C-alpha atoms as a PDB file:
ATOM      1  CA  MET A   1      -3.558  -8.817  15.823  1.00  0.00           C
ATOM      2  CA  ALA A   2      -3.832  -8.746  12.025  1.00  0.00           C
ATOM      3  CA  GLU A   3      -6.729  -6.294  12.265  1.00  0.00           C
ATOM      4  CA  THR A   4      -4.512  -3.816  14.121  1.00  0.00           C
ATOM      5  CA  LYS A   5      -1.538  -3.922  11.746  1.00  0.00           C
ATOM      6  CA  THR A   6      -1.430  -0.629   9.885  1.00  0.00           C
ATOM      7  CA  LEU A   7       0.118  -2.084   6.741  1.00  0.00           C
ATOM      8  CA  LEU A   8      -2.627  -4.690   6.414  1.00  0.00           C
ATOM      9  CA  LYS A   9      -5.230  -1.977   6.941  1.00  0.00           C
ATOM     10  CA  ALA A  10      -3.773  -0.008   4.042  1.00  0.00           C
ATOM     11  CA  LEU A  11      -3.716  -3.095   1.836  1.00  0.00           C
ATOM     12  CA  ALA A  12      -7.382  -3.639   2.652  1.00  0.00           C
ATOM     13  CA  GLY A  13      -8.053  -0.164   1.268  1.00  0.00           C
ATOM     14  CA  GLU A  14      -8.298   1.752   4.535  1.00  0.00           C
ATOM     15  CA  GLN A  15      -7.307   5.391   4.546  1.00  0.00           C
ATOM     16  CA  GLN A  16      -5.253   6.246   7.654  1.00  0.00           C
ATOM     17  CA  ASP A  17      -4.138   9.535   9.154  1.00  0.00           C
ATOM     18  CA  VAL A  18      -0.541   8.303   9.295  1.00  0.00           C
ATOM     19  CA  PRO A  19       0.511   5.927   6.512  1.00  0.00           C
ATOM     20  CA  PRO A  20       2.441   2.789   7.459  1.00  0.00           C
ATOM     21  CA  ILE A  21       6.128   2.892   6.518  1.00  0.00           C
ATOM     22  CA  TRP A  22       8.692   0.403   5.348  1.00  0.00           C
ATOM     23  CA  MET A  23      11.576   0.744   2.938  1.00  0.00           C
ATOM     24  CA  MET A  24      12.858  -1.370   0.071  1.00  0.00           C
ATOM     25  CA  ARG A  25      16.273  -2.855   0.946  1.00  0.00           C
ATOM     26  CA  GLN A  26      15.790  -1.663   4.511  1.00  0.00           C
ATOM     27  CA  ALA A  27      18.132  -4.459   5.619  1.00  0.00           C
ATOM     28  CA  GLY A  28      21.258  -3.402   3.766  1.00  0.00           C
ATOM     29  CA  ARG A  29      24.769  -2.063   3.593  1.00  0.00           C
ATOM     30  CA  TYR A  30      23.911   1.439   4.804  1.00  0.00           C
ATOM     31  CA  LEU A  31      23.526  -0.079   8.309  1.00  0.00           C
ATOM     32  CA  PRO A  32      26.702  -0.896  10.254  1.00  0.00           C
ATOM     33  CA  GLU A  33      24.993  -3.796  12.007  1.00  0.00           C
ATOM     34  CA  TYR A  34      24.138  -5.325   8.616  1.00  0.00           C
ATOM     35  CA  ARG A  35      27.739  -5.037   7.447  1.00  0.00           C
ATOM     36  CA  ALA A  36      28.903  -6.799  10.594  1.00  0.00           C
ATOM     37  CA  THR A  37      26.457  -9.680  10.140  1.00  0.00           C
ATOM     38  CA  ARG A  38      27.295 -10.032   6.451  1.00  0.00           C
ATOM     39  CA  ALA A  39      30.990 -10.264   7.349  1.00  0.00           C
ATOM     40  CA  GLN A  40      30.103 -12.961   9.862  1.00  0.00           C
ATOM     41  CA  ALA A  41      28.217 -14.909   7.170  1.00  0.00           C
ATOM     42  CA  GLY A  42      31.167 -14.809   4.764  1.00  0.00           C
ATOM     43  CA  ASP A  43      29.374 -13.667   1.610  1.00  0.00           C
ATOM     44  CA  PHE A  44      25.981 -12.542   0.366  1.00  0.00           C
ATOM     45  CA  LEU A  45      24.631 -15.943  -0.704  1.00  0.00           C
ATOM     46  CA  LYS A  46      25.731 -17.586   2.538  1.00  0.00           C
ATOM     47  CA  LEU A  47      23.830 -14.853   4.359  1.00  0.00           C
ATOM     48  CA  CYS A  48      20.694 -15.503   2.279  1.00  0.00           C
ATOM     49  CA  TYR A  49      20.804 -19.228   2.992  1.00  0.00           C
ATOM     50  CA  ASN A  50      21.551 -18.972   6.735  1.00  0.00           C
ATOM     51  CA  PRO A  51      18.127 -18.714   8.417  1.00  0.00           C
ATOM     52  CA  GLU A  52      19.467 -17.413  11.721  1.00  0.00           C
ATOM     53  CA  LEU A  53      21.629 -14.688  10.164  1.00  0.00           C
ATOM     54  CA  ALA A  54      19.013 -13.791   7.518  1.00  0.00           C
ATOM     55  CA  THR A  55      16.496 -13.411  10.340  1.00  0.00           C
ATOM     56  CA  GLU A  56      18.934 -11.212  12.230  1.00  0.00           C
ATOM     57  CA  VAL A  57      19.494  -8.780   9.342  1.00  0.00           C
ATOM     58  CA  THR A  58      15.753  -8.634   8.648  1.00  0.00           C
ATOM     59  CA  LEU A  59      15.146  -7.677  12.280  1.00  0.00           C
ATOM     60  CA  GLN A  60      17.912  -5.048  12.467  1.00  0.00           C
ATOM     61  CA  PRO A  61      16.014  -2.174  10.794  1.00  0.00           C
ATOM     62  CA  ILE A  62      12.901  -3.069  12.810  1.00  0.00           C
ATOM     63  CA  ARG A  63      14.846  -2.725  16.058  1.00  0.00           C
ATOM     64  CA  ARG A  64      16.510   0.496  14.936  1.00  0.00           C
ATOM     65  CA  TYR A  65      13.546   2.286  13.337  1.00  0.00           C
ATOM     66  CA  GLY A  66      10.319   0.518  14.213  1.00  0.00           C
ATOM     67  CA  PHE A  67       9.139   0.134  10.615  1.00  0.00           C
ATOM     68  CA  ASP A  68       5.583  -1.101  10.206  1.00  0.00           C
ATOM     69  CA  ALA A  69       6.737  -4.022   8.066  1.00  0.00           C
ATOM     70  CA  ALA A  70       9.740  -6.285   7.671  1.00  0.00           C
ATOM     71  CA  ILE A  71      10.620  -7.751   4.306  1.00  0.00           C
ATOM     72  CA  LEU A  72      12.254 -11.152   4.118  1.00  0.00           C
ATOM     73  CA  PHE A  73      15.991 -10.939   3.475  1.00  0.00           C
ATOM     74  CA  ALA A  74      16.666 -12.906   0.297  1.00  0.00           C
ATOM     75  CA  ASP A  75      17.374 -12.200  -3.388  1.00  0.00           C
ATOM     76  CA  ILE A  76      15.289 -12.435  -6.553  1.00  0.00           C
ATOM     77  CA  LEU A  77      17.952 -14.639  -8.185  1.00  0.00           C
ATOM     78  CA  LEU A  78      17.532 -17.507  -5.737  1.00  0.00           C
ATOM     79  CA  VAL A  79      14.716 -18.801  -7.963  1.00  0.00           C
ATOM     80  CA  PRO A  80      16.953 -19.248 -11.039  1.00  0.00           C
ATOM     81  CA  GLN A  81      19.531 -20.905  -8.799  1.00  0.00           C
ATOM     82  CA  ALA A  82      16.852 -23.259  -7.500  1.00  0.00           C
ATOM     83  CA  LEU A  83      15.932 -24.056 -11.112  1.00  0.00           C
ATOM     84  CA  GLY A  84      19.532 -25.114 -11.755  1.00  0.00           C
ATOM     85  CA  ALA A  85      21.324 -21.961 -12.905  1.00  0.00           C
ATOM     86  CA  ASP A  86      24.784 -21.277 -11.530  1.00  0.00           C
ATOM     87  CA  LEU A  87      24.745 -18.116  -9.394  1.00  0.00           C
ATOM     88  CA  TRP A  88      27.562 -16.167  -7.792  1.00  0.00           C
ATOM     89  CA  PHE A  89      28.219 -12.581  -6.767  1.00  0.00           C
ATOM     90  CA  VAL A  90      31.243 -10.501  -7.777  1.00  0.00           C
ATOM     91  CA  THR A  91      32.226  -8.001  -5.096  1.00  0.00           C
ATOM     92  CA  GLY A  92      31.459  -4.471  -6.233  1.00  0.00           C
ATOM     93  CA  GLU A  93      29.842  -5.648  -9.466  1.00  0.00           C
ATOM     94  CA  GLY A  94      26.812  -7.711  -8.523  1.00  0.00           C
ATOM     95  CA  PRO A  95      25.357 -11.056  -9.581  1.00  0.00           C
ATOM     96  CA  ARG A  96      26.545 -13.424 -12.265  1.00  0.00           C
ATOM     97  CA  LEU A  97      24.608 -16.398 -13.640  1.00  0.00           C
ATOM     98  CA  SER A  98      25.064 -19.122 -16.188  1.00  0.00           C
ATOM     99  CA  THR A  99      23.085 -17.996 -19.231  1.00  0.00           C
ATOM    100  CA  VAL A 100      19.977 -19.371 -20.913  1.00  0.00           C
ATOM    101  CA  THR A 101      20.144 -18.387 -24.580  1.00  0.00           C
ATOM    102  CA  THR A 102      19.614 -21.712 -26.379  1.00  0.00           C
ATOM    103  CA  GLN A 103      17.274 -24.673 -26.150  1.00  0.00           C
ATOM    104  CA  ALA A 104      20.165 -26.723 -24.773  1.00  0.00           C
ATOM    105  CA  ASP A 105      20.635 -24.196 -21.974  1.00  0.00           C
ATOM    106  CA  PHE A 106      16.939 -24.303 -21.177  1.00  0.00           C
ATOM    107  CA  ASP A 107      16.909 -28.100 -21.152  1.00  0.00           C
ATOM    108  CA  LYS A 108      19.527 -28.063 -18.379  1.00  0.00           C
ATOM    109  CA  LEU A 109      17.107 -26.299 -16.020  1.00  0.00           C
ATOM    110  CA  GLY A 110      15.385 -28.492 -13.484  1.00  0.00           C
ATOM    111  CA  PRO A 111      11.650 -28.934 -12.936  1.00  0.00           C
ATOM    112  CA  VAL A 112       9.695 -26.540 -10.774  1.00  0.00           C
ATOM    113  CA  SER A 113       8.938 -29.365  -8.364  1.00  0.00           C
ATOM    114  CA  ASP A 114      12.612 -29.485  -7.343  1.00  0.00           C
ATOM    115  CA  ILE A 115      13.042 -25.855  -6.287  1.00  0.00           C
ATOM    116  CA  HIS A 116      12.053 -26.308  -2.653  1.00  0.00           C
ATOM    117  CA  GLU A 117      15.093 -28.461  -1.887  1.00  0.00           C
ATOM    118  CA  VAL A 118      17.275 -25.398  -2.551  1.00  0.00           C
ATOM    119  CA  LEU A 119      14.847 -22.828  -1.135  1.00  0.00           C
ATOM    120  CA  ASN A 120      13.952 -24.558   2.147  1.00  0.00           C
ATOM    121  CA  PRO A 121      16.350 -22.325   4.145  1.00  0.00           C
ATOM    122  CA  ILE A 122      14.369 -19.300   2.925  1.00  0.00           C
ATOM    123  CA  TYR A 123      11.137 -20.795   4.221  1.00  0.00           C
ATOM    124  CA  GLU A 124      12.874 -21.474   7.532  1.00  0.00           C
ATOM    125  CA  THR A 125      13.827 -17.778   7.705  1.00  0.00           C
ATOM    126  CA  VAL A 126      10.172 -16.836   7.196  1.00  0.00           C
ATOM    127  CA  LYS A 127       9.137 -19.181  10.009  1.00  0.00           C
ATOM    128  CA  LEU A 128      11.726 -17.691  12.361  1.00  0.00           C
ATOM    129  CA  LEU A 129      10.654 -14.154  11.479  1.00  0.00           C
ATOM    130  CA  SER A 130       6.975 -14.884  12.006  1.00  0.00           C
ATOM    131  CA  ARG A 131       7.866 -15.906  15.576  1.00  0.00           C
ATOM    132  CA  GLU A 132      10.386 -13.163  16.359  1.00  0.00           C
ATOM    133  CA  LEU A 133       8.916 -10.014  14.816  1.00  0.00           C
ATOM    134  CA  PRO A 134       7.008  -7.615  17.077  1.00  0.00           C
ATOM    135  CA  GLY A 135       3.287  -8.285  17.058  1.00  0.00           C
ATOM    136  CA  GLU A 136       2.470  -5.034  15.250  1.00  0.00           C
ATOM    137  CA  THR A 137       4.971  -5.617  12.420  1.00  0.00           C
ATOM    138  CA  THR A 138       3.765  -7.136   9.134  1.00  0.00           C
ATOM    139  CA  LEU A 139       5.965  -9.756   7.456  1.00  0.00           C
ATOM    140  CA  ILE A 140       6.381  -9.325   3.689  1.00  0.00           C
ATOM    141  CA  GLY A 141       7.650 -12.088   1.417  1.00  0.00           C
ATOM    142  CA  PHE A 142       8.716 -11.433  -2.153  1.00  0.00           C
ATOM    143  CA  ALA A 143       9.967 -12.686  -5.485  1.00  0.00           C
ATOM    144  CA  GLY A 144      11.191 -11.166  -8.709  1.00  0.00           C
ATOM    145  CA  ALA A 145       8.735 -10.931 -11.575  1.00  0.00           C
ATOM    146  CA  PRO A 146       9.326 -13.356 -14.458  1.00  0.00           C
ATOM    147  CA  TRP A 147      10.480 -10.710 -16.953  1.00  0.00           C
ATOM    148  CA  THR A 148      13.015  -9.209 -14.556  1.00  0.00           C
ATOM    149  CA  VAL A 149      14.353 -12.604 -13.480  1.00  0.00           C
ATOM    150  CA  ALA A 150      14.557 -13.685 -17.123  1.00  0.00           C
ATOM    151  CA  THR A 151      16.666 -10.646 -18.039  1.00  0.00           C
ATOM    152  CA  TYR A 152      19.346 -11.827 -15.609  1.00  0.00           C
ATOM    153  CA  MET A 153      19.105 -15.460 -16.703  1.00  0.00           C
ATOM    154  CA  ILE A 154      19.489 -14.538 -20.375  1.00  0.00           C
ATOM    155  CA  ALA A 155      22.298 -11.993 -19.966  1.00  0.00           C
ATOM    156  CA  GLY A 156      24.028 -13.697 -17.050  1.00  0.00           C
ATOM    157  CA  ARG A 157      24.143 -10.376 -15.202  1.00  0.00           C
ATOM    158  CA  GLY A 158      22.367  -7.063 -14.871  1.00  0.00           C
ATOM    159  CA  THR A 159      22.386  -4.912 -18.002  1.00  0.00           C
ATOM    160  CA  PRO A 160      21.552  -1.228 -18.532  1.00  0.00           C
ATOM    161  CA  ASP A 161      18.913  -1.829 -21.206  1.00  0.00           C
ATOM    162  CA  GLN A 162      18.021  -5.540 -20.851  1.00  0.00           C
ATOM    163  CA  GLY A 163      19.240  -5.845 -24.442  1.00  0.00           C
ATOM    164  CA  PRO A 164      20.041  -9.582 -24.444  1.00  0.00           C
ATOM    165  CA  ALA A 165      16.553 -10.440 -23.175  1.00  0.00           C
ATOM    166  CA  HIS A 166      14.893  -8.198 -25.758  1.00  0.00           C
ATOM    167  CA  LEU A 167      17.007  -9.815 -28.466  1.00  0.00           C
ATOM    168  CA  LEU A 168      16.033 -13.336 -27.438  1.00  0.00           C
ATOM    169  CA  ARG A 169      12.401 -12.260 -27.210  1.00  0.00           C
ATOM    170  CA  GLN A 170      12.560 -11.127 -30.835  1.00  0.00           C
ATOM    171  CA  GLU A 171      14.789 -13.824 -32.327  1.00  0.00           C
ATOM    172  CA  ASN A 172      13.582 -16.945 -30.488  1.00  0.00           C
ATOM    173  CA  ASN A 173      10.253 -16.049 -28.977  1.00  0.00           C
ATOM    174  CA  ALA A 174       9.270 -19.660 -28.308  1.00  0.00           C
ATOM    175  CA  LEU A 175      12.337 -20.174 -26.109  1.00  0.00           C
ATOM    176  CA  PHE A 176      11.843 -16.819 -24.418  1.00  0.00           C
ATOM    177  CA  GLU A 177       8.211 -17.581 -23.575  1.00  0.00           C
ATOM    178  CA  ALA A 178       9.088 -21.083 -22.354  1.00  0.00           C
ATOM    179  CA  LEU A 179      11.610 -19.540 -19.973  1.00  0.00           C
ATOM    180  CA  LEU A 180       9.051 -17.023 -18.711  1.00  0.00           C
ATOM    181  CA  GLU A 181       6.518 -19.803 -18.172  1.00  0.00           C
ATOM    182  CA  ARG A 182       9.038 -21.825 -16.141  1.00  0.00           C
ATOM    183  CA  ILE A 183       9.912 -18.811 -14.000  1.00  0.00           C
ATOM    184  CA  THR A 184       6.224 -17.960 -13.546  1.00  0.00           C
ATOM    185  CA  ALA A 185       5.400 -21.461 -12.326  1.00  0.00           C
ATOM    186  CA  ALA A 186       8.388 -21.458  -9.972  1.00  0.00           C
ATOM    187  CA  THR A 187       7.444 -18.038  -8.611  1.00  0.00           C
ATOM    188  CA  ILE A 188       3.933 -19.197  -7.767  1.00  0.00           C
ATOM    189  CA  GLU A 189       5.298 -22.186  -5.821  1.00  0.00           C
ATOM    190  CA  TYR A 190       7.990 -20.102  -4.105  1.00  0.00           C
ATOM    191  CA  LEU A 191       5.603 -17.376  -2.944  1.00  0.00           C
ATOM    192  CA  SER A 192       2.984 -19.905  -1.896  1.00  0.00           C
ATOM    193  CA  MET A 193       5.538 -21.628   0.330  1.00  0.00           C
ATOM    194  CA  GLN A 194       6.564 -18.282   1.824  1.00  0.00           C
ATOM    195  CA  ILE A 195       2.916 -17.663   2.693  1.00  0.00           C
ATOM    196  CA  GLU A 196       2.563 -21.121   4.228  1.00  0.00           C
ATOM    197  CA  ALA A 197       5.678 -20.393   6.301  1.00  0.00           C
ATOM    198  CA  GLY A 198       4.177 -17.179   7.678  1.00  0.00           C
ATOM    199  CA  ALA A 199       4.452 -14.319   5.163  1.00  0.00           C
ATOM    200  CA  GLU A 200       1.402 -12.073   5.576  1.00  0.00           C
ATOM    201  CA  VAL A 201       1.883 -10.132   2.322  1.00  0.00           C
ATOM    202  CA  VAL A 202       3.918 -10.867  -0.798  1.00  0.00           C
ATOM    203  CA  LYS A 203       5.425  -8.449  -3.277  1.00  0.00           C
ATOM    204  CA  ILE A 204       6.318  -9.050  -6.931  1.00  0.00           C
ATOM    205  CA  PHE A 205       9.325  -6.964  -7.987  1.00  0.00           C
ATOM    206  CA  ASP A 206       9.416  -6.204 -11.726  1.00  0.00           C
ATOM    207  CA  SER A 207      12.462  -3.949 -11.605  1.00  0.00           C
ATOM    208  CA  TRP A 208      12.892  -3.817 -15.396  1.00  0.00           C
ATOM    209  CA  ALA A 209       9.225  -3.601 -16.420  1.00  0.00           C
ATOM    210  CA  GLY A 210       9.827  -0.111 -17.800  1.00  0.00           C
ATOM    211  CA  SER A 211      11.928  -1.412 -20.675  1.00  0.00           C
ATOM    212  CA  LEU A 212       8.942  -3.341 -22.065  1.00  0.00           C
ATOM    213  CA  LYS A 213       7.129  -1.124 -24.534  1.00  0.00           C
ATOM    214  CA  GLY A 214       3.647  -1.334 -26.054  1.00  0.00           C
ATOM    215  CA  ASP A 215       2.148  -4.811 -26.289  1.00  0.00           C
ATOM    216  CA  ALA A 216       5.298  -6.337 -24.791  1.00  0.00           C
ATOM    217  CA  PHE A 217       4.431  -4.755 -21.432  1.00  0.00           C
ATOM    218  CA  GLN A 218       0.991  -6.329 -21.513  1.00  0.00           C
ATOM    219  CA  LYS A 219       2.337  -9.770 -22.464  1.00  0.00           C
ATOM    220  CA  TYR A 220       5.472  -9.984 -20.336  1.00  0.00           C
ATOM    221  CA  ALA A 221       4.908  -7.703 -17.329  1.00  0.00           C
ATOM    222  CA  LEU A 222       1.161  -7.431 -16.784  1.00  0.00           C
ATOM    223  CA  GLU A 223       0.088 -10.938 -17.814  1.00  0.00           C
ATOM    224  CA  PRO A 224       2.623 -12.858 -15.656  1.00  0.00           C
ATOM    225  CA  ALA A 225       1.669 -10.664 -12.687  1.00  0.00           C
ATOM    226  CA  ARG A 226      -1.982 -11.524 -13.323  1.00  0.00           C
ATOM    227  CA  VAL A 227      -1.251 -15.262 -13.564  1.00  0.00           C
ATOM    228  CA  ILE A 228       0.822 -15.282 -10.379  1.00  0.00           C
ATOM    229  CA  THR A 229      -1.732 -13.204  -8.493  1.00  0.00           C
ATOM    230  CA  ALA A 230      -4.661 -15.374  -9.604  1.00  0.00           C
ATOM    231  CA  ALA A 231      -2.864 -18.570  -8.595  1.00  0.00           C
ATOM    232  CA  LEU A 232      -1.885 -17.214  -5.192  1.00  0.00           C
ATOM    233  CA  LYS A 233      -5.351 -15.784  -4.540  1.00  0.00           C
ATOM    234  CA  ALA A 234      -6.870 -19.192  -5.328  1.00  0.00           C
ATOM    235  CA  ARG A 235      -4.651 -20.815  -2.692  1.00  0.00           C
ATOM    236  CA  HIS A 236      -4.425 -17.985  -0.169  1.00  0.00           C
ATOM    237  CA  PRO A 237      -7.427 -15.703  -0.744  1.00  0.00           C
ATOM    238  CA  ASN A 238      -6.786 -13.494   2.290  1.00  0.00           C
ATOM    239  CA  VAL A 239      -3.130 -12.697   1.581  1.00  0.00           C
ATOM    240  CA  PRO A 240      -2.588  -9.300  -0.075  1.00  0.00           C
ATOM    241  CA  ILE A 241      -0.214  -8.882  -3.014  1.00  0.00           C
ATOM    242  CA  ILE A 242       1.826  -5.792  -3.932  1.00  0.00           C
ATOM    243  CA  GLY A 243       2.867  -5.357  -7.560  1.00  0.00           C
ATOM    244  CA  PHE A 244       5.844  -3.211  -8.555  1.00  0.00           C
ATOM    245  CA  PRO A 245       6.163  -2.696 -12.326  1.00  0.00           C
ATOM    246  CA  ARG A 246       8.979  -0.173 -11.932  1.00  0.00           C
ATOM    247  CA  GLU A 247       9.074   2.710 -14.423  1.00  0.00           C
ATOM    248  CA  ALA A 248       5.791   1.621 -15.973  1.00  0.00           C
ATOM    249  CA  GLY A 249       4.843   5.275 -16.467  1.00  0.00           C
ATOM    250  CA  ASP A 250       1.289   5.621 -17.717  1.00  0.00           C
ATOM    251  CA  LYS A 251       0.967   1.830 -17.637  1.00  0.00           C
ATOM    252  CA  TYR A 252       0.607   2.109 -13.876  1.00  0.00           C
ATOM    253  CA  ILE A 253      -2.928   3.210 -14.744  1.00  0.00           C
ATOM    254  CA  GLY A 254      -5.251   0.218 -14.462  1.00  0.00           C
ATOM    255  CA  PHE A 255      -2.459  -2.161 -13.397  1.00  0.00           C
ATOM    256  CA  ALA A 256      -4.220  -3.134 -10.162  1.00  0.00           C
ATOM    257  CA  LYS A 257      -7.515  -3.910 -11.894  1.00  0.00           C
ATOM    258  CA  ALA A 258      -5.846  -5.809 -14.728  1.00  0.00           C
ATOM    259  CA  THR A 259      -3.661  -7.999 -12.496  1.00  0.00           C
ATOM    260  CA  GLY A 260      -5.698  -8.317  -9.315  1.00  0.00           C
ATOM    261  CA  VAL A 261      -2.933  -7.016  -7.033  1.00  0.00           C
ATOM    262  CA  ASP A 262      -4.052  -5.253  -3.863  1.00  0.00           C
ATOM    263  CA  CYS A 263      -1.514  -2.448  -4.094  1.00  0.00           C
ATOM    264  CA  VAL A 264       0.657  -0.864  -6.760  1.00  0.00           C
ATOM    265  CA  ALA A 265       4.136   0.237  -5.718  1.00  0.00           C
ATOM    266  CA  LEU A 266       5.367   3.339  -7.520  1.00  0.00           C
ATOM    267  CA  ASP A 267       8.847   4.442  -8.491  1.00  0.00           C
ATOM    268  CA  ASN A 268       9.770   8.116  -8.285  1.00  0.00           C
ATOM    269  CA  SER A 269       9.661   8.789 -12.036  1.00  0.00           C
ATOM    270  CA  VAL A 270       5.969   9.624 -11.596  1.00  0.00           C
ATOM    271  CA  SER A 271       4.819  12.438  -9.345  1.00  0.00           C
ATOM    272  CA  PRO A 272       2.659  11.639  -6.328  1.00  0.00           C
ATOM    273  CA  GLU A 273       0.066  14.126  -7.585  1.00  0.00           C
ATOM    274  CA  TRP A 274      -0.189  12.308 -10.920  1.00  0.00           C
ATOM    275  CA  ALA A 275      -0.328   8.933  -9.183  1.00  0.00           C
ATOM    276  CA  ALA A 276      -3.019  10.123  -6.781  1.00  0.00           C
ATOM    277  CA  ALA A 277      -5.177  11.194  -9.716  1.00  0.00           C
ATOM    278  CA  ASN A 278      -4.547   8.107 -11.864  1.00  0.00           C
ATOM    279  CA  VAL A 279      -3.571   5.138  -9.679  1.00  0.00           C
ATOM    280  CA  LEU A 280      -4.860   5.770  -6.153  1.00  0.00           C
ATOM    281  CA  VAL A 281      -8.374   5.843  -7.595  1.00  0.00           C
ATOM    282  CA  ASP A 282      -8.134   2.037  -8.021  1.00  0.00           C
ATOM    283  CA  GLY A 283      -6.903   1.294  -4.507  1.00  0.00           C
ATOM    284  CA  CYS A 284      -3.811   1.224  -2.329  1.00  0.00           C
ATOM    285  CA  VAL A 285      -0.545   2.699  -3.580  1.00  0.00           C
ATOM    286  CA  GLN A 286       2.944   2.429  -2.143  1.00  0.00           C
ATOM    287  CA  GLY A 287       5.724   4.958  -2.547  1.00  0.00           C
ATOM    288  CA  ASN A 288       7.426   7.007  -3.703  1.00  0.00           C
ATOM    289  CA  LEU A 289      10.240   9.091  -2.201  1.00  0.00           C
ATOM    290  CA  ALA A 290      13.421   9.268  -4.306  1.00  0.00           C
ATOM    291  CA  SER A 291      16.200   7.165  -2.759  1.00  0.00           C
ATOM    292  CA  ARG A 292      18.677  10.038  -3.160  1.00  0.00           C
ATOM    293  CA  HIS A 293      17.002  11.816  -0.241  1.00  0.00           C
ATOM    294  CA  MET A 294      18.366   9.103   2.040  1.00  0.00           C
ATOM    295  CA  VAL A 295      21.841  10.290   1.023  1.00  0.00           C
ATOM    296  CA  THR A 296      21.335  14.049   0.906  1.00  0.00           C
ATOM    297  CA  GLY A 297      18.803  14.548   3.729  1.00  0.00           C
ATOM    298  CA  GLY A 298      17.999  18.079   4.882  1.00  0.00           C
ATOM    299  CA  GLN A 299      14.953  20.191   4.228  1.00  0.00           C
ATOM    300  CA  ASP A 300      14.474  18.732   0.734  1.00  0.00           C
ATOM    301  CA  LEU A 301      13.851  15.330   2.309  1.00  0.00           C
ATOM    302  CA  VAL A 302      11.353  16.805   4.745  1.00  0.00           C
ATOM    303  CA  ASP A 303       9.531  18.817   2.079  1.00  0.00           C
ATOM    304  CA  GLU A 304       9.281  15.954  -0.398  1.00  0.00           C
ATOM    305  CA  THR A 305       8.162  13.499   2.285  1.00  0.00           C
ATOM    306  CA  ARG A 306       5.399  15.864   3.369  1.00  0.00           C
ATOM    307  CA  ALA A 307       4.344  16.431  -0.240  1.00  0.00           C
ATOM    308  CA  ILE A 308       3.994  12.676  -0.834  1.00  0.00           C
ATOM    309  CA  VAL A 309       1.966  12.132   2.330  1.00  0.00           C
ATOM    310  CA  LYS A 310      -0.284  15.055   1.415  1.00  0.00           C
ATOM    311  CA  ALA A 311      -0.797  13.889  -2.177  1.00  0.00           C
ATOM    312  CA  PHE A 312      -1.955  10.437  -1.086  1.00  0.00           C
ATOM    313  CA  LYS A 313      -4.124  11.611   1.837  1.00  0.00           C
ATOM    314  CA  GLY A 314      -7.253  10.762  -0.100  1.00  0.00           C
ATOM    315  CA  GLY A 315      -6.785   6.996  -0.102  1.00  0.00           C
ATOM    316  CA  ALA A 316      -4.928   3.960   1.157  1.00  0.00           C
ATOM    317  CA  HIS A 317      -1.197   4.695   1.149  1.00  0.00           C
ATOM    318  CA  ILE A 318       1.963   2.878   2.267  1.00  0.00           C
ATOM    319  CA  PHE A 319       4.951   5.203   2.534  1.00  0.00           C
ATOM    320  CA  ASN A 320       8.100   3.855   0.878  1.00  0.00           C
ATOM    321  CA  LEU A 321      10.915   4.839  -1.407  1.00  0.00           C
ATOM    322  CA  GLY A 322      10.599   4.714  -5.190  1.00  0.00           C
ATOM    323  CA  HIS A 323      13.450   2.191  -5.273  1.00  0.00           C
ATOM    324  CA  GLY A 324      15.753   0.488  -2.786  1.00  0.00           C
ATOM    325  CA  ILE A 325      17.863   2.464  -0.339  1.00  0.00           C
ATOM    326  CA  THR A 326      21.479   2.726  -1.514  1.00  0.00           C
ATOM    327  CA  PRO A 327      24.599   1.705   0.443  1.00  0.00           C
ATOM    328  CA  ASP A 328      25.774   5.320   0.722  1.00  0.00           C
ATOM    329  CA  ALA A 329      22.618   6.423   2.571  1.00  0.00           C
ATOM    330  CA  ASP A 330      22.901   8.039   5.989  1.00  0.00           C
ATOM    331  CA  PRO A 331      20.957   6.101   8.670  1.00  0.00           C
ATOM    332  CA  ALA A 332      20.047   9.427  10.284  1.00  0.00           C
ATOM    333  CA  ASN A 333      18.151  10.452   7.147  1.00  0.00           C
ATOM    334  CA  VAL A 334      15.993   7.344   7.429  1.00  0.00           C
ATOM    335  CA  GLN A 335      15.007   8.413  10.932  1.00  0.00           C
ATOM    336  CA  LEU A 336      14.269  11.919   9.665  1.00  0.00           C
ATOM    337  CA  MET A 337      11.967  10.492   6.985  1.00  0.00           C
ATOM    338  CA  ILE A 338      10.109   8.352   9.525  1.00  0.00           C
ATOM    339  CA  ASP A 339       9.747  11.214  11.988  1.00  0.00           C
ATOM    340  CA  THR A 340       8.432  13.481   9.223  1.00  0.00           C
ATOM    341  CA  VAL A 341       5.786  10.962   8.143  1.00  0.00           C
ATOM    342  CA  ARG A 342       4.654  10.192  11.672  1.00  0.00           C
ATOM    343  CA  GLU A 343       4.603  13.776  12.896  1.00  0.00           C
ATOM    344  CA  GLY A 344       2.277  14.720  10.048  1.00  0.00           C
END
């Protein structure tokens, strides 16, 4: 069956007449069935850690739209929680964590070997999904990249400019790098266990890679991605890896070769024409429709979708958004996007 899955074909470098489609955050608040299941769970973290309900919300967009891939329903901040950080979500505001800004804070974190006790429900979700997904649907596992996860652990929340993490990087680089190394090691173990549980592809989300400039990008976005990829490839040589250094700009060029990832996911700050000329030449790309089209719809959505498909016709392409779908999106616009891609 694996040989017939369109997403795996793309990740193997195969050019296809119709690109496979999935969508970041495709299981989310824009869907009424998701909102109902989340209410049943009680809160977001309870939903993440309930294998039956997490499986259900992962399957919902597959049932509704027939995407070519399902992505595990979880959160990038489960890894810091598994390492011993306190994690909670504030309604309407997002995640909050206990901070790591001193050596004493770092020393409170647990060893990487202990993370699976917390994360076992996530692996159970992967196992359930691998049994329940349609045979043609690829199962994607994921984790946050070390830099992005570290920005939340240092600030205790999301920040507009990742300022606290940049400050720690400059003022106590030894502590900063020790934290990144701990997260990197945990990420390798976490993704490896997802693969053992049934994930066919894994994706590394570096949502804040774009705020790393110059050499810092090489050291703290590219190098951890390379280390994680090399470790996973050594254990699971046939499992493809998607890298997403969001807003990397011209640093998307050569990212696949430098890290070993099988596909580079693109945000919508770069044009598909530019990416086709500079990134597609190295292999599979994923992207990159602006999420706002899922809200506004109409002919602009159709035109931009067609332009992206046309730009990437010359190579292996996975159609996706440039970032996650937002809660205010119209489910009908998702169907319009899919129909536009598949009708050619």
